[in-house]
């Protein structure tokens, strides 16, 4: 009898038993459900777990386009995770097991499409880099914060996370196939730790550039809630501005851009702000780029296991021919990155800002055999039209963030426009 059936049975029998009988039955129920909860995994469950694990490994081997770059890690995964897979007994176990396994690839585009309260978030409103044995805050999502920070945490060294030494936190990160001394891997792990688990606080002990040491509660940074798909306006002396509000996956965005372009068409220059596209989006969102070109052009190159081909965008009238500036930052993700490198490759825009989110590859979802969720992996490479990796793109007009009170990227773009005019 299942736990649910036992509860129903107790409910039905309650009115027909004296208190002594009910007490005896209650203790019997507790003991039986305890045994049920902690029983060992049966042979059939082990076989199912191993079958699913082997199918998972086959899917990665067949579809993950960046596998050869991480072949040593993959070989380690195959040998060091298989035995542990046998003991998966709950959904929570399953999610944690495959989350930690996928973290081995240190690829933020590769993840489960479900989570629990113990899962790591995908990103944080700050970005850190590693400098030898130090972890330094290099970027703050300043444009998305509701309130201006009262201290400048740019350049701060992170000493502790929730009271634990940050270097130890990196070394103890729950992966086993990483070389945690590799600078790129160490930086990825550091940002994953900062993103934090959903059910845990994120209190950073910081050594500021001013030499002060402070405790900084990352969860007190409140992000803006944007009600609209985009924000259009005219700023300064007749400069058009369009901010896309993390809506690159919404079909309505194309129509909205068409609508607002009418009011911005007579401006002397245009700024397209892609700094809040952290969730990426669909490839059809490339269509608005047609507003800025006069002929059909390739904007991105794709490479899967069998072929290489270009993604194209066609002109869409009326064509805006004035200067165009695209703003990017560490929270410009996926298709936001595609639009930026596309307009750059077509030599149609000046890109202003920092490195982007660096989400590599076109994505596909693969479902687990015995669970109603799956995982996302990159099945094709995304490249600039010159063949270089999209995720390695750095803007020519690079703006190093130095403070949190001013929008340095927007200010730099405005300076370029005013200098041009």
Protein backbone atom coordinates (compact mmCIF):
# COMPACT_ATOMS: atom_id res chain seq x y z
CA UNK A 1 0.00 0.00 0.00
CA UNK A 2 1.36 3.44 -0.92
CA UNK A 3 1.76 6.28 1.58
CA UNK A 4 -1.23 8.02 -0.02
CA UNK A 5 -3.39 4.89 0.26
CA UNK A 6 -2.51 4.52 3.94
CA UNK A 7 -3.57 8.09 4.65
CA UNK A 8 -6.91 7.51 2.94
CA UNK A 9 -7.40 4.29 4.86
CA UNK A 10 -6.77 6.05 8.19
CA UNK A 11 -9.24 8.76 7.32
CA UNK A 12 -11.99 6.27 6.51
CA UNK A 13 -11.43 4.22 9.65
CA UNK A 14 -11.10 7.11 12.08
CA UNK A 15 -14.73 7.21 13.25
CA UNK A 16 -14.93 3.45 13.85
CA UNK A 17 -12.03 3.02 16.22
CA UNK A 18 -11.52 3.74 19.88
CA UNK A 19 -8.61 5.93 20.88
CA UNK A 20 -6.39 3.02 21.92
CA UNK A 21 -6.78 1.27 18.60
CA UNK A 22 -6.15 4.51 16.74
CA UNK A 23 -2.97 5.15 18.72
CA UNK A 24 -1.63 1.70 17.90
CA UNK A 25 -2.42 2.17 14.24
CA UNK A 26 -0.82 5.62 14.25
CA UNK A 27 2.53 4.27 15.50
CA UNK A 28 2.35 1.45 12.99
CA UNK A 29 1.78 4.01 10.25
CA UNK A 30 4.77 6.14 11.33
CA UNK A 31 7.07 3.15 11.42
CA UNK A 32 5.92 1.84 8.06
CA UNK A 33 6.22 5.20 6.28
CA UNK A 34 9.66 5.73 7.82
CA UNK A 35 10.79 2.44 6.37
CA UNK A 36 9.21 3.46 3.07
CA UNK A 37 11.07 6.76 3.01
CA UNK A 38 14.49 5.30 3.78
CA UNK A 39 14.32 1.97 2.04
CA UNK A 40 17.27 1.00 -0.11
CA UNK A 41 17.05 1.33 -3.86
CA UNK A 42 15.90 -1.85 -5.54
CA UNK A 43 17.73 -3.58 -8.35
CA UNK A 44 15.20 -2.39 -10.93
CA UNK A 45 15.63 1.23 -9.84
CA UNK A 46 19.40 0.92 -10.16
CA UNK A 47 19.02 -0.45 -13.67
CA UNK A 48 16.66 2.37 -14.64
CA UNK A 49 19.06 4.98 -13.23
CA UNK A 50 22.01 3.49 -15.10
CA UNK A 51 20.03 3.23 -18.32
CA UNK A 52 19.06 6.88 -18.06
CA UNK A 53 22.63 7.89 -17.24
CA UNK A 54 23.96 5.99 -20.27
CA UNK A 55 21.35 7.63 -22.50
CA UNK A 56 22.34 11.02 -21.11
CA UNK A 57 26.00 10.33 -21.87
CA UNK A 58 25.10 9.22 -25.41
CA UNK A 59 23.08 12.41 -25.97
CA UNK A 60 25.99 14.60 -24.84
CA UNK A 61 28.39 12.66 -27.03
CA UNK A 62 26.11 12.92 -30.03
CA UNK A 63 24.84 16.50 -29.74
CA UNK A 64 27.11 18.72 -27.62
CA UNK A 65 28.98 20.73 -30.24
CA UNK A 66 31.76 21.87 -27.89
CA UNK A 67 32.50 18.39 -26.56
CA UNK A 68 35.94 18.02 -28.13
CA UNK A 69 37.12 21.15 -26.31
CA UNK A 70 36.17 19.42 -23.04
CA UNK A 71 36.88 15.78 -23.86
CA UNK A 72 39.03 15.16 -20.75
CA UNK A 73 36.25 16.44 -18.49
CA UNK A 74 33.69 14.31 -20.33
CA UNK A 75 35.81 11.17 -19.94
CA UNK A 76 36.06 11.89 -16.22
CA UNK A 77 32.26 12.35 -15.98
CA UNK A 78 31.62 8.97 -17.60
CA UNK A 79 33.75 7.13 -15.06
CA UNK A 80 33.28 9.12 -11.86
CA UNK A 81 29.50 9.78 -11.96
CA UNK A 82 28.10 6.48 -13.17
CA UNK A 83 28.26 4.62 -9.87
CA UNK A 84 26.61 7.50 -8.01
CA UNK A 85 23.75 7.50 -10.52
CA UNK A 86 22.60 4.14 -9.19
CA UNK A 87 21.43 5.59 -5.87
CA UNK A 88 19.10 8.31 -7.25
CA UNK A 89 15.76 7.77 -5.49
CA UNK A 90 13.87 11.10 -5.57
CA UNK A 91 13.29 13.99 -7.94
CA UNK A 92 15.45 16.15 -5.65
CA UNK A 93 18.30 13.64 -5.92
CA UNK A 94 17.91 13.55 -9.69
CA UNK A 95 17.95 17.34 -10.11
CA UNK A 96 20.97 17.81 -7.85
CA UNK A 97 22.91 14.96 -9.49
CA UNK A 98 22.50 16.25 -13.04
CA UNK A 99 22.91 19.92 -12.08
CA UNK A 100 26.27 19.20 -10.53
CA UNK A 101 27.24 17.00 -13.45
CA UNK A 102 26.36 19.68 -16.03
CA UNK A 103 28.34 22.24 -14.03
CA UNK A 104 31.44 20.24 -14.96
CA UNK A 105 31.26 21.75 -18.47
CA UNK A 106 31.57 25.30 -17.03
CA UNK A 107 29.19 26.44 -19.78
CA UNK A 108 26.36 28.73 -18.64
CA UNK A 109 24.29 27.78 -21.69
CA UNK A 110 24.22 24.13 -20.54
CA UNK A 111 21.75 23.51 -17.73
CA UNK A 112 18.61 21.71 -16.60
CA UNK A 113 15.29 23.30 -17.53
CA UNK A 114 13.96 22.76 -14.02
CA UNK A 115 15.22 23.60 -10.54
CA UNK A 116 14.67 23.13 -6.82
CA UNK A 117 15.25 25.48 -3.91
CA UNK A 118 18.74 23.98 -3.61
CA UNK A 119 19.58 24.81 -7.22
CA UNK A 120 22.06 27.49 -8.18
CA UNK A 121 20.65 30.56 -9.90
CA UNK A 122 21.78 31.14 -13.47
CA UNK A 123 23.19 34.63 -12.84
CA UNK A 124 23.66 37.46 -10.35
CA UNK A 125 23.46 41.27 -10.56
CA UNK A 126 27.24 41.46 -10.20
CA UNK A 127 30.03 39.84 -12.21
CA UNK A 128 33.43 38.87 -10.85
CA UNK A 129 36.81 38.06 -12.33
CA UNK A 130 39.80 36.31 -10.83
CA UNK A 131 43.20 37.93 -10.42
CA UNK A 132 45.71 35.37 -9.20
CA UNK A 133 44.38 34.36 -5.76
CA UNK A 134 41.84 37.19 -5.58
CA UNK A 135 38.23 37.41 -6.77
CA UNK A 136 37.37 40.95 -7.84
CA UNK A 137 33.99 42.53 -8.61
CA UNK A 138 34.39 43.91 -12.14
CA UNK A 139 30.79 44.71 -13.10
CA UNK A 140 27.48 45.66 -11.47
CA UNK A 141 24.16 45.52 -13.36
CA UNK A 142 23.75 49.22 -12.67
CA UNK A 143 21.11 49.88 -15.33
CA UNK A 144 18.72 47.28 -13.89
CA UNK A 145 18.89 48.27 -10.22
CA UNK A 146 15.90 50.01 -8.64
CA UNK A 147 18.11 52.10 -6.37
CA UNK A 148 21.57 53.56 -6.70
CA UNK A 149 24.19 51.86 -4.52
CA UNK A 150 25.54 54.03 -1.72
CA UNK A 151 28.99 52.42 -1.87
CA UNK A 152 31.13 51.67 -4.90
CA UNK A 153 31.83 47.93 -4.89
CA UNK A 154 33.60 47.92 -8.27
CA UNK A 155 37.13 46.61 -7.77
CA UNK A 156 36.35 45.11 -4.36
CA UNK A 157 38.07 41.87 -3.37
CA UNK A 158 35.65 39.20 -2.11
CA UNK A 159 37.02 37.78 1.13
CA UNK A 160 34.12 35.59 2.34
CA UNK A 161 30.76 34.32 1.17
CA UNK A 162 28.20 33.73 3.94
CA UNK A 163 31.11 33.71 6.38
CA UNK A 164 33.17 31.10 4.50
CA UNK A 165 36.56 31.95 3.03
CA UNK A 166 35.95 32.55 -0.67
CA UNK A 167 39.02 30.63 -1.85
CA UNK A 168 37.80 27.62 0.14
CA UNK A 169 34.35 28.10 -1.37
CA UNK A 170 35.85 27.74 -4.85
CA UNK A 171 37.94 24.71 -3.89
CA UNK A 172 34.89 23.04 -2.33
CA UNK A 173 32.54 23.71 -5.25
CA UNK A 174 30.70 20.42 -5.88
CA UNK A 175 32.42 19.28 -9.06
CA UNK A 176 35.09 16.63 -9.33
CA UNK A 177 36.40 16.73 -12.92
CA UNK A 178 37.43 20.41 -13.05
CA UNK A 179 40.93 21.76 -12.83
CA UNK A 180 39.95 24.48 -10.39
CA UNK A 181 43.30 26.20 -10.83
CA UNK A 182 42.52 26.92 -14.48
CA UNK A 183 41.80 30.70 -14.58
CA UNK A 184 38.76 30.38 -16.87
CA UNK A 185 37.22 27.58 -14.81
CA UNK A 186 37.99 29.38 -11.57
CA UNK A 187 36.25 32.53 -12.85
CA UNK A 188 33.20 30.51 -13.95
CA UNK A 189 32.94 28.80 -10.56
CA UNK A 190 33.32 32.14 -8.77
CA UNK A 191 30.38 33.60 -10.66
CA UNK A 192 28.32 30.47 -10.02
CA UNK A 193 28.98 30.82 -6.28
CA UNK A 194 27.98 34.48 -6.43
CA UNK A 195 24.75 33.54 -8.23
CA UNK A 196 24.12 31.39 -5.16
CA UNK A 197 21.62 28.71 -4.27
CA UNK A 198 17.99 29.79 -4.28
CA UNK A 199 17.41 28.88 -0.63
CA UNK A 200 20.55 30.50 0.77
CA UNK A 201 21.52 34.12 1.54
CA UNK A 202 24.33 35.84 -0.36
CA UNK A 203 26.33 37.97 2.06
CA UNK A 204 29.74 39.03 0.76
CA UNK A 205 32.58 40.27 2.93
CA UNK A 206 34.36 42.81 0.74
CA UNK A 207 37.67 44.60 0.88
CA UNK A 208 36.90 47.81 -1.01
CA UNK A 209 39.34 49.81 -3.10
CA UNK A 210 39.00 52.48 -0.40
CA UNK A 211 40.61 49.90 1.95
CA UNK A 212 37.40 49.59 4.00
CA UNK A 213 36.03 46.13 4.77
CA UNK A 214 32.23 45.77 4.64
CA UNK A 215 29.57 43.09 4.61
CA UNK A 216 27.39 43.42 1.53
CA UNK A 217 24.03 41.63 1.24
CA UNK A 218 23.62 40.87 -2.44
CA UNK A 219 19.93 40.02 -1.99
CA UNK A 220 19.20 43.62 -1.00
CA UNK A 221 19.91 44.66 -4.59
CA UNK A 222 16.40 44.97 -6.03
CA UNK A 223 16.09 44.63 -9.79
CA UNK A 224 13.66 46.68 -11.83
CA UNK A 225 10.39 45.09 -12.90
CA UNK A 226 9.79 46.25 -16.45
CA UNK A 227 6.13 46.33 -17.48
CA UNK A 228 6.72 47.01 -21.16
CA UNK A 229 8.41 45.04 -23.93
CA UNK A 230 10.67 47.97 -24.69
CA UNK A 231 11.20 51.60 -23.73
CA UNK A 232 11.51 54.12 -26.59
CA UNK A 233 12.33 57.80 -26.12
CA UNK A 234 14.22 60.74 -27.54
CA UNK A 235 17.14 61.90 -25.42
CA UNK A 236 19.44 64.92 -25.46
CA UNK A 237 19.48 66.74 -28.79
CA UNK A 238 17.25 64.50 -30.98
CA UNK A 239 18.88 61.12 -30.32
CA UNK A 240 16.60 58.07 -30.55
CA UNK A 241 16.83 55.45 -27.81
CA UNK A 242 15.28 51.97 -27.60
CA UNK A 243 15.82 49.80 -24.53
CA UNK A 244 14.74 46.14 -24.91
CA UNK A 245 13.45 44.76 -21.60
CA UNK A 246 14.58 41.12 -21.67
CA UNK A 247 11.93 40.29 -24.27
CA UNK A 248 13.99 38.76 -27.09
CA UNK A 249 11.85 35.64 -26.81
CA UNK A 250 8.54 37.44 -27.38
CA UNK A 251 7.05 37.60 -30.87
CA UNK A 252 5.40 40.94 -30.06
CA UNK A 253 8.82 42.59 -29.87
CA UNK A 254 9.14 42.74 -33.66
CA UNK A 255 5.83 44.59 -34.01
CA UNK A 256 6.71 46.91 -31.13
CA UNK A 257 9.99 47.92 -32.74
CA UNK A 258 8.15 48.59 -36.01
CA UNK A 259 5.67 50.76 -34.11
CA UNK A 260 8.15 52.90 -32.18
CA UNK A 261 10.53 53.35 -35.11
CA UNK A 262 7.93 55.64 -36.71
CA UNK A 263 8.34 58.15 -33.89
CA UNK A 264 12.13 57.88 -33.87
CA UNK A 265 12.71 57.92 -37.60
CA UNK A 266 13.73 61.58 -37.86
CA UNK A 267 16.33 61.47 -35.09
CA UNK A 268 19.98 62.22 -35.88
CA UNK A 269 21.26 58.94 -34.38
CA UNK A 270 19.88 55.83 -32.70
CA UNK A 271 20.91 53.93 -29.57
CA UNK A 272 19.76 50.30 -29.21
CA UNK A 273 20.20 49.22 -25.58
CA UNK A 274 20.65 45.42 -25.23
CA UNK A 275 21.95 45.44 -21.66
CA UNK A 276 18.84 43.77 -20.24
CA UNK A 277 18.59 40.67 -22.43
CA UNK A 278 19.97 38.22 -19.87
CA UNK A 279 17.56 35.42 -20.87
CA UNK A 280 18.38 35.60 -24.55
CA UNK A 281 15.66 34.74 -27.05
CA UNK A 282 14.68 33.30 -30.41
CA UNK A 283 16.57 33.71 -33.69
CA UNK A 284 13.59 35.30 -35.48
CA UNK A 285 14.22 38.40 -33.36
CA UNK A 286 17.01 39.15 -35.84
CA UNK A 287 14.27 40.62 -38.08
CA UNK A 288 14.37 44.14 -36.55
CA UNK A 289 17.95 44.47 -37.78
CA UNK A 290 16.41 44.79 -41.23
CA UNK A 291 15.37 48.33 -40.27
CA UNK A 292 19.03 49.35 -40.43
CA UNK A 293 20.29 47.74 -43.66
CA UNK A 294 19.59 48.39 -47.33
CA UNK A 295 20.23 44.88 -48.71
CA UNK A 296 20.05 41.26 -47.58
CA UNK A 297 23.06 40.49 -45.39
CA UNK A 298 24.43 37.62 -43.27
CA UNK A 299 24.55 38.47 -39.58
CA UNK A 300 25.72 35.23 -37.93
CA UNK A 301 27.31 31.95 -38.90
CA UNK A 302 26.22 28.53 -37.61
CA UNK A 303 28.15 25.28 -37.54
CA UNK A 304 26.65 21.95 -36.51
CA UNK A 305 27.99 18.40 -36.75
CA UNK A 306 27.38 18.24 -40.50
CA UNK A 307 27.47 21.69 -42.08
CA UNK A 308 28.20 25.38 -41.77
CA UNK A 309 25.72 28.02 -42.89
CA UNK A 310 24.78 31.69 -42.42
CA UNK A 311 21.76 33.31 -40.86
CA UNK A 312 20.48 36.20 -42.97
CA UNK A 313 18.42 39.29 -42.34
CA UNK A 314 16.53 41.17 -45.05
CA UNK A 315 15.91 44.92 -45.25
CA UNK A 316 12.60 46.17 -43.91
CA UNK A 317 11.26 49.54 -44.97
CA UNK A 318 11.41 52.28 -44.01
CA UNK A 319 15.18 51.98 -43.57
CA UNK A 320 16.87 53.99 -40.81
CA UNK A 321 20.20 55.14 -42.27
CA UNK A 322 21.50 57.43 -39.51
CA UNK A 323 24.32 56.33 -37.16
CA UNK A 324 23.44 53.40 -34.88
CA UNK A 325 25.03 52.57 -31.52
CA UNK A 326 24.40 49.29 -29.66
CA UNK A 327 24.96 49.07 -25.90
CA UNK A 328 26.06 45.72 -24.40
CA UNK A 329 27.24 44.41 -21.05
CA UNK A 330 27.65 41.20 -19.04
CA UNK A 331 23.85 40.75 -19.09
CA UNK A 332 23.55 40.82 -22.88
CA UNK A 333 22.77 37.19 -23.60
CA UNK A 334 22.27 34.74 -26.44
CA UNK A 335 20.24 36.44 -29.21
CA UNK A 336 21.20 39.80 -27.72
CA UNK A 337 24.76 38.76 -28.46
CA UNK A 338 23.71 37.64 -31.94
CA UNK A 339 22.18 41.03 -32.74
CA UNK A 340 25.27 42.87 -31.49
CA UNK A 341 27.79 40.82 -33.46
CA UNK A 342 25.47 40.86 -36.48
CA UNK A 343 25.21 44.64 -36.65
CA UNK A 344 28.95 44.87 -36.01
CA UNK A 345 29.78 42.33 -38.73
CA UNK A 346 27.57 44.16 -41.22
CA UNK A 347 29.47 47.33 -40.27
CA UNK A 348 26.14 48.93 -39.53
CA UNK A 349 26.60 49.82 -35.86
CA UNK A 350 29.17 50.86 -33.31
CA UNK A 351 29.10 48.49 -30.34
CA UNK A 352 29.70 50.16 -26.97
CA UNK A 353 30.22 48.45 -23.61
CA UNK A 354 31.91 45.40 -22.11
CA UNK A 355 32.14 41.70 -22.78
CA UNK A 356 28.70 40.12 -23.11
CA UNK A 357 27.21 37.14 -21.28
CA UNK A 358 29.22 34.81 -23.53
CA UNK A 359 26.51 32.20 -24.05
CA UNK A 360 27.91 29.97 -26.76
CA UNK A 361 25.91 27.96 -29.25
CA UNK A 362 22.45 27.35 -30.62
CA UNK A 363 20.38 25.38 -28.12
CA UNK A 364 18.25 22.25 -28.10
CA UNK A 365 16.37 20.53 -25.26
CA UNK A 366 16.75 16.81 -24.58
CA UNK A 367 14.22 15.15 -22.27
CA UNK A 368 15.09 12.61 -19.61
CA UNK A 369 13.60 9.17 -20.10
CA UNK A 370 11.91 8.83 -16.70
CA UNK A 371 11.28 12.48 -15.73
CA UNK A 372 9.09 15.20 -17.21
CA UNK A 373 11.94 17.68 -17.68
CA UNK A 374 15.20 17.77 -19.56
CA UNK A 375 18.40 19.68 -20.15
CA UNK A 376 19.55 22.29 -22.65
CA UNK A 377 22.79 21.92 -24.56
CA UNK A 378 24.49 23.67 -27.47
CA UNK A 379 24.13 21.58 -30.61
CA UNK A 380 25.58 24.14 -33.04
CA UNK A 381 28.31 26.74 -32.82
CA UNK A 382 27.41 30.40 -33.18
CA UNK A 383 30.07 32.43 -34.95
CA UNK A 384 30.59 35.92 -36.25
CA UNK A 385 30.38 36.20 -40.03
CA UNK A 386 34.21 36.18 -40.18
CA UNK A 387 34.18 32.73 -38.50
CA UNK A 388 35.41 33.81 -35.05
CA UNK A 389 33.45 32.64 -31.97
CA UNK A 390 30.52 34.88 -31.04
CA UNK A 391 31.19 34.51 -27.31
CA UNK A 392 34.71 35.94 -27.63
CA UNK A 393 33.56 39.24 -29.12
CA UNK A 394 34.75 42.39 -27.32
CA UNK A 395 33.38 45.81 -28.35
CA UNK A 396 35.77 48.13 -30.12
CA UNK A 397 34.38 50.96 -27.97
CA UNK A 398 35.16 49.19 -24.72
CA UNK A 399 33.99 50.84 -21.51
CA UNK A 400 35.57 49.60 -18.29
CA UNK A 401 33.11 50.04 -15.43
CA UNK A 402 34.59 52.09 -12.62
CA UNK A 403 31.56 53.23 -10.63
CA UNK A 404 27.91 52.45 -9.87
CA UNK A 405 26.29 55.90 -9.80
CA UNK A 406 26.70 56.85 -13.48
CA UNK A 407 25.74 55.03 -16.65
CA UNK A 408 29.23 55.04 -18.13
CA UNK A 409 28.32 53.00 -21.22
CA UNK A 410 25.44 55.29 -22.24
CA UNK A 411 27.53 58.38 -21.50
CA UNK A 412 30.31 57.07 -23.76
CA UNK A 413 27.86 56.43 -26.62
CA UNK A 414 26.47 59.96 -26.26
CA UNK A 415 29.99 61.38 -26.38
CA UNK A 416 30.65 59.48 -29.62
CA UNK A 417 27.42 60.79 -31.16
CA UNK A 418 28.08 64.39 -30.12
CA UNK A 419 31.63 64.18 -31.42
CA UNK A 420 30.34 62.82 -34.74
CA UNK A 421 27.83 65.65 -35.11
